[in-house]
């Protein structure tokens, strides 16, 4: 059992360790200020983000000035997208008429590079948090709609007949039958969309804002502080891992009835 756990742990981290080792070797073999070694970036990461006291959980002042701002924008935009996406997707999945009317529009915006709309969104909202939140919403809601609609429309008709035979109708039908049956596909859409939302949040903060992780990256790049820039990249990567892990835990709890053997169980 212990050997199996060790082997599984090694299998999870070996590629990351290999890439970090190559990063260190290549950076030291060809020294440049633009691409510092991983060891130097790791040291800078501790100075920038983990230099606080125990009362602040060892997190620095810079952490509290940047990370909560970015996470708040992401949570607001993605949270609105979840509410709108699941609602609209459920309606489209249950109505062939609505699906026929709005599916081309949804597919069009889903295929559109949302980062290209950044100048338009900036013109409408200006340089404030509303612009960042709206771009995250715009980039994630379509994927949630499509996955929800596909999941709802794919509910086994025998389950629906059985529910009606037991006089389960209205909101109870959605709460007890339709949404639980569609939940695997809905969760798949949520997991993919949170990554897209993180990317759009960073891009929008790079373009027009005065605080946040994206702003930090651009500020350090413009002031030639490349170690700080790479340490900010590390924070963004860790944030993405944390968000994906949290959603994975939620998904396993919600879908504990489902037998799975995919990547999510590795």
C-alpha atoms as a PDB file:
ATOM      1  CA  UNK A   1       0.000   0.000   0.000  1.00  0.00           C
ATOM      2  CA  UNK A   2       2.780   2.451   0.935  1.00  0.00           C
ATOM      3  CA  UNK A   3       4.778   1.575  -2.174  1.00  0.00           C
ATOM      4  CA  UNK A   4       1.695   2.194  -4.304  1.00  0.00           C
ATOM      5  CA  UNK A   5       1.125   5.599  -2.707  1.00  0.00           C
ATOM      6  CA  UNK A   6       4.766   6.593  -3.208  1.00  0.00           C
ATOM      7  CA  UNK A   7       4.659   5.458  -6.829  1.00  0.00           C
ATOM      8  CA  UNK A   8       1.462   7.441  -7.409  1.00  0.00           C
ATOM      9  CA  UNK A   9       3.002  10.555  -5.821  1.00  0.00           C
ATOM     10  CA  UNK A  10       6.124  10.219  -7.970  1.00  0.00           C
ATOM     11  CA  UNK A  11       3.976   9.770 -11.050  1.00  0.00           C
ATOM     12  CA  UNK A  12       2.172  13.026 -10.297  1.00  0.00           C
ATOM     13  CA  UNK A  13       5.228  15.225  -9.756  1.00  0.00           C
ATOM     14  CA  UNK A  14       8.025  13.755 -11.850  1.00  0.00           C
ATOM     15  CA  UNK A  15       7.250  15.788 -14.974  1.00  0.00           C
ATOM     16  CA  UNK A  16       7.011  19.028 -12.964  1.00  0.00           C
ATOM     17  CA  UNK A  17      10.343  18.298 -11.265  1.00  0.00           C
ATOM     18  CA  UNK A  18      11.922  17.505 -14.632  1.00  0.00           C
ATOM     19  CA  UNK A  19      10.706  20.777 -16.164  1.00  0.00           C
ATOM     20  CA  UNK A  20      11.921  22.798 -13.175  1.00  0.00           C
ATOM     21  CA  UNK A  21      15.318  21.084 -13.371  1.00  0.00           C
ATOM     22  CA  UNK A  22      15.580  21.868 -17.078  1.00  0.00           C
ATOM     23  CA  UNK A  23      14.581  25.464 -16.320  1.00  0.00           C
ATOM     24  CA  UNK A  24      17.409  25.743 -13.790  1.00  0.00           C
ATOM     25  CA  UNK A  25      20.003  24.152 -16.074  1.00  0.00           C
ATOM     26  CA  UNK A  26      19.100  26.143 -19.189  1.00  0.00           C
ATOM     27  CA  UNK A  27      18.917  29.460 -17.305  1.00  0.00           C
ATOM     28  CA  UNK A  28      22.336  28.932 -15.721  1.00  0.00           C
ATOM     29  CA  UNK A  29      23.882  27.706 -18.968  1.00  0.00           C
ATOM     30  CA  UNK A  30      22.782  30.866 -20.804  1.00  0.00           C
ATOM     31  CA  UNK A  31      22.565  33.632 -18.174  1.00  0.00           C
ATOM     32  CA  UNK A  32      20.175  36.448 -19.038  1.00  0.00           C
ATOM     33  CA  UNK A  33      18.234  38.942 -16.974  1.00  0.00           C
ATOM     34  CA  UNK A  34      15.055  38.047 -18.864  1.00  0.00           C
ATOM     35  CA  UNK A  35      15.103  34.354 -17.869  1.00  0.00           C
ATOM     36  CA  UNK A  36      16.466  33.909 -14.338  1.00  0.00           C
ATOM     37  CA  UNK A  37      17.064  30.434 -12.838  1.00  0.00           C
ATOM     38  CA  UNK A  38      14.220  28.793 -10.974  1.00  0.00           C
ATOM     39  CA  UNK A  39      16.154  28.953  -7.710  1.00  0.00           C
ATOM     40  CA  UNK A  40      16.410  32.746  -8.015  1.00  0.00           C
ATOM     41  CA  UNK A  41      12.715  33.038  -8.868  1.00  0.00           C
ATOM     42  CA  UNK A  42      11.822  30.818  -5.902  1.00  0.00           C
ATOM     43  CA  UNK A  43      13.859  33.029  -3.574  1.00  0.00           C
ATOM     44  CA  UNK A  44      12.173  36.129  -5.003  1.00  0.00           C
ATOM     45  CA  UNK A  45       8.788  34.444  -4.592  1.00  0.00           C
ATOM     46  CA  UNK A  46       9.413  34.039  -0.877  1.00  0.00           C
ATOM     47  CA  UNK A  47      10.504  37.663  -0.519  1.00  0.00           C
ATOM     48  CA  UNK A  48       7.563  39.052  -2.491  1.00  0.00           C
ATOM     49  CA  UNK A  49       4.686  36.898  -1.305  1.00  0.00           C
ATOM     50  CA  UNK A  50       5.674  35.017   1.879  1.00  0.00           C
ATOM     51  CA  UNK A  51       7.432  37.664   3.937  1.00  0.00           C
ATOM     52  CA  UNK A  52       4.597  38.458   6.360  1.00  0.00           C
ATOM     53  CA  UNK A  53       4.356  37.646  10.053  1.00  0.00           C
ATOM     54  CA  UNK A  54       2.510  34.736  11.626  1.00  0.00           C
ATOM     55  CA  UNK A  55      -0.522  36.911  12.355  1.00  0.00           C
ATOM     56  CA  UNK A  56      -0.942  37.434   8.600  1.00  0.00           C
ATOM     57  CA  UNK A  57      -0.352  33.726   7.829  1.00  0.00           C
ATOM     58  CA  UNK A  58       3.172  34.655   6.628  1.00  0.00           C
ATOM     59  CA  UNK A  59       1.641  36.304   3.554  1.00  0.00           C
ATOM     60  CA  UNK A  60       3.133  39.637   2.524  1.00  0.00           C
ATOM     61  CA  UNK A  61       1.454  42.991   2.155  1.00  0.00           C
ATOM     62  CA  UNK A  62       1.822  42.643  -1.601  1.00  0.00           C
ATOM     63  CA  UNK A  63      -0.140  39.382  -1.491  1.00  0.00           C
ATOM     64  CA  UNK A  64      -3.078  41.062   0.251  1.00  0.00           C
ATOM     65  CA  UNK A  65      -2.944  43.995  -2.165  1.00  0.00           C
ATOM     66  CA  UNK A  66      -2.992  41.857  -5.338  1.00  0.00           C
ATOM     67  CA  UNK A  67      -4.399  38.362  -4.892  1.00  0.00           C
ATOM     68  CA  UNK A  68      -7.748  39.185  -3.185  1.00  0.00           C
ATOM     69  CA  UNK A  69      -8.438  41.834  -5.843  1.00  0.00           C
ATOM     70  CA  UNK A  70      -7.875  39.396  -8.707  1.00  0.00           C
ATOM     71  CA  UNK A  71      -9.719  36.533  -7.017  1.00  0.00           C
ATOM     72  CA  UNK A  72     -12.655  38.842  -6.257  1.00  0.00           C
ATOM     73  CA  UNK A  73     -12.972  39.871  -9.893  1.00  0.00           C
ATOM     74  CA  UNK A  74     -12.715  36.269 -11.051  1.00  0.00           C
ATOM     75  CA  UNK A  75     -15.270  35.089  -8.480  1.00  0.00           C
ATOM     76  CA  UNK A  76     -17.748  37.820  -9.428  1.00  0.00           C
ATOM     77  CA  UNK A  77     -17.510  37.302 -13.199  1.00  0.00           C
ATOM     78  CA  UNK A  78     -17.439  33.524 -13.050  1.00  0.00           C
ATOM     79  CA  UNK A  79     -20.168  33.353 -10.394  1.00  0.00           C
ATOM     80  CA  UNK A  80     -22.550  35.404 -12.544  1.00  0.00           C
ATOM     81  CA  UNK A  81     -21.642  33.215 -15.531  1.00  0.00           C
ATOM     82  CA  UNK A  82     -22.500  30.065 -13.548  1.00  0.00           C
ATOM     83  CA  UNK A  83     -25.929  31.390 -12.555  1.00  0.00           C
ATOM     84  CA  UNK A  84     -26.781  32.655 -16.045  1.00  0.00           C
ATOM     85  CA  UNK A  85     -25.166  29.734 -17.865  1.00  0.00           C
ATOM     86  CA  UNK A  86     -26.845  26.965 -15.894  1.00  0.00           C
ATOM     87  CA  UNK A  87     -30.244  28.702 -16.088  1.00  0.00           C
ATOM     88  CA  UNK A  88     -30.105  29.428 -19.812  1.00  0.00           C
ATOM     89  CA  UNK A  89     -28.536  26.058 -20.593  1.00  0.00           C
ATOM     90  CA  UNK A  90     -31.276  24.246 -18.700  1.00  0.00           C
ATOM     91  CA  UNK A  91     -33.979  26.111 -20.615  1.00  0.00           C
ATOM     92  CA  UNK A  92     -32.298  25.390 -23.945  1.00  0.00           C
ATOM     93  CA  UNK A  93     -31.804  21.750 -23.035  1.00  0.00           C
ATOM     94  CA  UNK A  94     -35.494  21.325 -22.229  1.00  0.00           C
ATOM     95  CA  UNK A  95     -36.890  23.320 -25.163  1.00  0.00           C
ATOM     96  CA  UNK A  96     -36.113  22.437 -28.753  1.00  0.00           C
ATOM     97  CA  UNK A  97     -37.576  25.779 -29.848  1.00  0.00           C
ATOM     98  CA  UNK A  98     -35.234  27.807 -27.616  1.00  0.00           C
ATOM     99  CA  UNK A  99     -32.295  25.630 -28.627  1.00  0.00           C
ATOM    100  CA  UNK A 100     -33.010  26.204 -32.308  1.00  0.00           C
ATOM    101  CA  UNK A 101     -33.380  29.961 -31.817  1.00  0.00           C
ATOM    102  CA  UNK A 102     -30.347  30.655 -29.637  1.00  0.00           C
ATOM    103  CA  UNK A 103     -27.891  27.836 -30.273  1.00  0.00           C
ATOM    104  CA  UNK A 104     -26.287  29.629 -33.285  1.00  0.00           C
ATOM    105  CA  UNK A 105     -25.756  32.751 -31.173  1.00  0.00           C
ATOM    106  CA  UNK A 106     -24.233  30.766 -28.314  1.00  0.00           C
ATOM    107  CA  UNK A 107     -21.948  28.824 -30.646  1.00  0.00           C
ATOM    108  CA  UNK A 108     -20.853  32.043 -32.351  1.00  0.00           C
ATOM    109  CA  UNK A 109     -19.792  33.745 -29.121  1.00  0.00           C
ATOM    110  CA  UNK A 110     -18.247  30.516 -27.846  1.00  0.00           C
ATOM    111  CA  UNK A 111     -15.945  30.363 -30.883  1.00  0.00           C
ATOM    112  CA  UNK A 112     -15.110  34.075 -30.728  1.00  0.00           C
ATOM    113  CA  UNK A 113     -11.743  34.947 -29.081  1.00  0.00           C
ATOM    114  CA  UNK A 114     -13.073  36.959 -26.152  1.00  0.00           C
ATOM    115  CA  UNK A 115      -9.739  38.677 -25.524  1.00  0.00           C
ATOM    116  CA  UNK A 116     -10.244  40.383 -28.903  1.00  0.00           C
ATOM    117  CA  UNK A 117     -13.294  42.120 -27.410  1.00  0.00           C
ATOM    118  CA  UNK A 118     -11.182  43.745 -24.706  1.00  0.00           C
ATOM    119  CA  UNK A 119     -10.924  47.168 -26.435  1.00  0.00           C
ATOM    120  CA  UNK A 120     -14.709  47.241 -26.907  1.00  0.00           C
ATOM    121  CA  UNK A 121     -15.375  46.229 -23.305  1.00  0.00           C
ATOM    122  CA  UNK A 122     -12.874  48.838 -22.126  1.00  0.00           C
ATOM    123  CA  UNK A 123     -14.638  51.525 -24.179  1.00  0.00           C
ATOM    124  CA  UNK A 124     -17.983  50.610 -22.609  1.00  0.00           C
ATOM    125  CA  UNK A 125     -16.937  50.187 -18.967  1.00  0.00           C
ATOM    126  CA  UNK A 126     -13.676  52.127 -18.714  1.00  0.00           C
ATOM    127  CA  UNK A 127     -10.703  51.191 -16.530  1.00  0.00           C
ATOM    128  CA  UNK A 128     -12.485  49.732 -13.526  1.00  0.00           C
ATOM    129  CA  UNK A 129     -13.348  46.365 -11.996  1.00  0.00           C
ATOM    130  CA  UNK A 130     -16.626  46.182 -13.926  1.00  0.00           C
ATOM    131  CA  UNK A 131     -14.630  45.778 -17.129  1.00  0.00           C
ATOM    132  CA  UNK A 132     -12.611  42.886 -15.696  1.00  0.00           C
ATOM    133  CA  UNK A 133     -15.702  41.180 -14.277  1.00  0.00           C
ATOM    134  CA  UNK A 134     -17.688  41.526 -17.507  1.00  0.00           C
ATOM    135  CA  UNK A 135     -14.869  40.092 -19.631  1.00  0.00           C
ATOM    136  CA  UNK A 136     -14.592  37.052 -17.355  1.00  0.00           C
ATOM    137  CA  UNK A 137     -18.359  36.612 -17.552  1.00  0.00           C
ATOM    138  CA  UNK A 138     -18.390  36.994 -21.337  1.00  0.00           C
ATOM    139  CA  UNK A 139     -15.615  34.464 -21.795  1.00  0.00           C
ATOM    140  CA  UNK A 140     -17.041  31.726 -19.576  1.00  0.00           C
ATOM    141  CA  UNK A 141     -20.836  31.868 -19.787  1.00  0.00           C
ATOM    142  CA  UNK A 142     -21.111  30.349 -23.288  1.00  0.00           C
ATOM    143  CA  UNK A 143     -19.159  27.236 -22.389  1.00  0.00           C
ATOM    144  CA  UNK A 144     -21.340  26.705 -19.316  1.00  0.00           C
ATOM    145  CA  UNK A 145     -24.493  27.172 -21.398  1.00  0.00           C
ATOM    146  CA  UNK A 146     -23.399  24.609 -23.994  1.00  0.00           C
ATOM    147  CA  UNK A 147     -22.357  21.972 -21.451  1.00  0.00           C
ATOM    148  CA  UNK A 148     -25.508  22.462 -19.393  1.00  0.00           C
ATOM    149  CA  UNK A 149     -27.775  22.294 -22.446  1.00  0.00           C
ATOM    150  CA  UNK A 150     -26.058  19.137 -23.710  1.00  0.00           C
ATOM    151  CA  UNK A 151     -26.304  17.534 -20.284  1.00  0.00           C
ATOM    152  CA  UNK A 152     -29.968  18.408 -19.778  1.00  0.00           C
ATOM    153  CA  UNK A 153     -31.010  17.342 -23.283  1.00  0.00           C
ATOM    154  CA  UNK A 154     -29.202  14.046 -22.800  1.00  0.00           C
ATOM    155  CA  UNK A 155     -31.128  12.971 -19.690  1.00  0.00           C
ATOM    156  CA  UNK A 156     -32.455   9.432 -20.122  1.00  0.00           C
ATOM    157  CA  UNK A 157     -36.097   9.602 -21.163  1.00  0.00           C
ATOM    158  CA  UNK A 158     -36.884   6.525 -19.054  1.00  0.00           C
ATOM    159  CA  UNK A 159     -35.891   8.471 -15.949  1.00  0.00           C
ATOM    160  CA  UNK A 160     -38.281  11.254 -16.942  1.00  0.00           C
ATOM    161  CA  UNK A 161     -41.107   8.798 -17.537  1.00  0.00           C
ATOM    162  CA  UNK A 162     -40.463   7.155 -14.180  1.00  0.00           C
ATOM    163  CA  UNK A 163     -40.494  10.552 -12.473  1.00  0.00           C
ATOM    164  CA  UNK A 164     -43.793  11.516 -14.099  1.00  0.00           C
ATOM    165  CA  UNK A 165     -45.311   8.175 -13.158  1.00  0.00           C
ATOM    166  CA  UNK A 166     -44.505   9.060  -9.534  1.00  0.00           C
ATOM    167  CA  UNK A 167     -46.078  12.497 -10.062  1.00  0.00           C
ATOM    168  CA  UNK A 168     -42.731  14.323  -9.804  1.00  0.00           C
ATOM    169  CA  UNK A 169     -43.177  17.527 -11.778  1.00  0.00           C
ATOM    170  CA  UNK A 170     -42.242  21.206 -11.785  1.00  0.00           C
ATOM    171  CA  UNK A 171     -39.288  22.402  -9.759  1.00  0.00           C
ATOM    172  CA  UNK A 172     -38.971  19.050  -7.987  1.00  0.00           C
ATOM    173  CA  UNK A 173     -38.397  17.333 -11.329  1.00  0.00           C
ATOM    174  CA  UNK A 174     -35.497  19.666 -12.089  1.00  0.00           C
ATOM    175  CA  UNK A 175     -34.043  19.473  -8.592  1.00  0.00           C
ATOM    176  CA  UNK A 176     -34.307  15.716  -8.117  1.00  0.00           C
ATOM    177  CA  UNK A 177     -33.959  14.291 -11.646  1.00  0.00           C
ATOM    178  CA  UNK A 178     -32.873  16.592 -14.459  1.00  0.00           C
ATOM    179  CA  UNK A 179     -30.073  18.624 -12.854  1.00  0.00           C
ATOM    180  CA  UNK A 180     -28.507  15.664 -10.962  1.00  0.00           C
ATOM    181  CA  UNK A 181     -28.497  13.634 -14.187  1.00  0.00           C
ATOM    182  CA  UNK A 182     -26.895  16.518 -16.114  1.00  0.00           C
ATOM    183  CA  UNK A 183     -24.463  17.380 -13.301  1.00  0.00           C
ATOM    184  CA  UNK A 184     -21.437  15.459 -14.689  1.00  0.00           C
ATOM    185  CA  UNK A 185     -21.494  17.503 -17.895  1.00  0.00           C
ATOM    186  CA  UNK A 186     -22.268  20.723 -16.025  1.00  0.00           C
ATOM    187  CA  UNK A 187     -19.262  20.187 -13.749  1.00  0.00           C
ATOM    188  CA  UNK A 188     -17.060  19.494 -16.770  1.00  0.00           C
ATOM    189  CA  UNK A 189     -18.080  22.868 -18.179  1.00  0.00           C
ATOM    190  CA  UNK A 190     -17.405  24.596 -14.863  1.00  0.00           C
ATOM    191  CA  UNK A 191     -13.921  23.116 -14.552  1.00  0.00           C
ATOM    192  CA  UNK A 192     -12.925  24.205 -18.055  1.00  0.00           C
ATOM    193  CA  UNK A 193     -14.542  27.622 -17.721  1.00  0.00           C
ATOM    194  CA  UNK A 194     -12.721  28.507 -14.475  1.00  0.00           C
ATOM    195  CA  UNK A 195      -9.402  28.149 -16.289  1.00  0.00           C
ATOM    196  CA  UNK A 196     -10.598  30.356 -19.129  1.00  0.00           C
ATOM    197  CA  UNK A 197     -11.881  32.867 -16.586  1.00  0.00           C
ATOM    198  CA  UNK A 198      -8.485  33.004 -14.876  1.00  0.00           C
ATOM    199  CA  UNK A 199      -6.760  33.685 -18.198  1.00  0.00           C
ATOM    200  CA  UNK A 200      -9.208  36.455 -19.115  1.00  0.00           C
ATOM    201  CA  UNK A 201      -8.907  37.989 -15.659  1.00  0.00           C
ATOM    202  CA  UNK A 202      -5.120  38.232 -16.022  1.00  0.00           C
ATOM    203  CA  UNK A 203      -5.355  39.587 -19.588  1.00  0.00           C
ATOM    204  CA  UNK A 204      -7.884  42.248 -18.606  1.00  0.00           C
ATOM    205  CA  UNK A 205      -5.743  43.335 -15.646  1.00  0.00           C
ATOM    206  CA  UNK A 206      -2.757  43.649 -17.956  1.00  0.00           C
ATOM    207  CA  UNK A 207      -4.732  45.926 -20.237  1.00  0.00           C
ATOM    208  CA  UNK A 208      -6.382  48.404 -17.883  1.00  0.00           C
ATOM    209  CA  UNK A 209      -6.296  48.340 -14.093  1.00  0.00           C
ATOM    210  CA  UNK A 210      -4.229  49.641 -11.198  1.00  0.00           C
ATOM    211  CA  UNK A 211      -4.169  46.535  -9.011  1.00  0.00           C
ATOM    212  CA  UNK A 212      -4.142  42.766  -9.357  1.00  0.00           C
ATOM    213  CA  UNK A 213      -1.820  40.019 -10.506  1.00  0.00           C
ATOM    214  CA  UNK A 214      -2.038  40.958 -14.184  1.00  0.00           C
ATOM    215  CA  UNK A 215      -1.147  44.543 -13.316  1.00  0.00           C
ATOM    216  CA  UNK A 216       1.820  43.311 -11.266  1.00  0.00           C
ATOM    217  CA  UNK A 217       3.172  41.294 -14.191  1.00  0.00           C
ATOM    218  CA  UNK A 218       3.031  44.257 -16.575  1.00  0.00           C
ATOM    219  CA  UNK A 219       4.421  46.672 -13.976  1.00  0.00           C
ATOM    220  CA  UNK A 220       7.429  44.463 -13.257  1.00  0.00           C
ATOM    221  CA  UNK A 221       8.041  43.925 -16.962  1.00  0.00           C
ATOM    222  CA  UNK A 222       7.962  47.643 -17.694  1.00  0.00           C
ATOM    223  CA  UNK A 223      10.299  48.414 -14.792  1.00  0.00           C
ATOM    224  CA  UNK A 224      12.740  45.615 -15.786  1.00  0.00           C
ATOM    225  CA  UNK A 225      12.193  43.672 -12.541  1.00  0.00           C
ATOM    226  CA  UNK A 226      12.104  40.291 -14.184  1.00  0.00           C
ATOM    227  CA  UNK A 227      12.552  38.152 -11.083  1.00  0.00           C
ATOM    228  CA  UNK A 228       9.478  39.783  -9.547  1.00  0.00           C
ATOM    229  CA  UNK A 229       7.640  39.239 -12.825  1.00  0.00           C
ATOM    230  CA  UNK A 230       8.417  35.513 -12.792  1.00  0.00           C
ATOM    231  CA  UNK A 231       7.432  35.264  -9.119  1.00  0.00           C
ATOM    232  CA  UNK A 232       4.046  36.802 -10.023  1.00  0.00           C
ATOM    233  CA  UNK A 233       3.709  34.133 -12.723  1.00  0.00           C
ATOM    234  CA  UNK A 234       4.245  31.519 -10.000  1.00  0.00           C
ATOM    235  CA  UNK A 235       1.406  32.995  -7.945  1.00  0.00           C
ATOM    236  CA  UNK A 236      -0.904  32.823 -10.974  1.00  0.00           C
ATOM    237  CA  UNK A 237       0.067  29.192 -11.601  1.00  0.00           C
ATOM    238  CA  UNK A 238      -0.510  28.249  -7.955  1.00  0.00           C
ATOM    239  CA  UNK A 239      -3.868  30.045  -8.011  1.00  0.00           C
ATOM    240  CA  UNK A 240      -4.911  28.017 -11.054  1.00  0.00           C
ATOM    241  CA  UNK A 241      -3.906  24.761  -9.341  1.00  0.00           C
ATOM    242  CA  UNK A 242      -5.819  25.691  -6.183  1.00  0.00           C
ATOM    243  CA  UNK A 243      -8.983  26.589  -8.106  1.00  0.00           C
ATOM    244  CA  UNK A 244      -8.876  23.376 -10.116  1.00  0.00           C
ATOM    245  CA  UNK A 245      -8.281  21.323  -6.952  1.00  0.00           C
ATOM    246  CA  UNK A 246     -11.214  22.947  -5.157  1.00  0.00           C
ATOM    247  CA  UNK A 247     -13.547  22.246  -8.083  1.00  0.00           C
ATOM    248  CA  UNK A 248     -12.250  18.689  -8.288  1.00  0.00           C
ATOM    249  CA  UNK A 249     -13.074  18.123  -4.603  1.00  0.00           C
ATOM    250  CA  UNK A 250     -16.539  19.634  -5.041  1.00  0.00           C
ATOM    251  CA  UNK A 251     -17.148  17.512  -8.114  1.00  0.00           C
ATOM    252  CA  UNK A 252     -16.181  14.298  -6.320  1.00  0.00           C
ATOM    253  CA  UNK A 253     -18.513  15.093  -3.436  1.00  0.00           C
ATOM    254  CA  UNK A 254     -21.433  15.972  -5.709  1.00  0.00           C
ATOM    255  CA  UNK A 255     -20.833  13.006  -8.006  1.00  0.00           C
ATOM    256  CA  UNK A 256     -19.843  10.412  -5.423  1.00  0.00           C
ATOM    257  CA  UNK A 257     -22.593   8.214  -6.854  1.00  0.00           C
ATOM    258  CA  UNK A 258     -20.834   8.115 -10.205  1.00  0.00           C
ATOM    259  CA  UNK A 259     -18.100   5.605 -10.969  1.00  0.00           C
ATOM    260  CA  UNK A 260     -15.233   7.316 -12.704  1.00  0.00           C
ATOM    261  CA  UNK A 261     -11.915   6.201 -14.140  1.00  0.00           C
ATOM    262  CA  UNK A 262     -10.777   9.328 -15.952  1.00  0.00           C
ATOM    263  CA  UNK A 263      -8.046  11.876 -15.327  1.00  0.00           C
ATOM    264  CA  UNK A 264      -9.999  13.445 -12.492  1.00  0.00           C
ATOM    265  CA  UNK A 265      -9.403  10.356 -10.338  1.00  0.00           C
ATOM    266  CA  UNK A 266      -5.637  10.266 -10.862  1.00  0.00           C
END
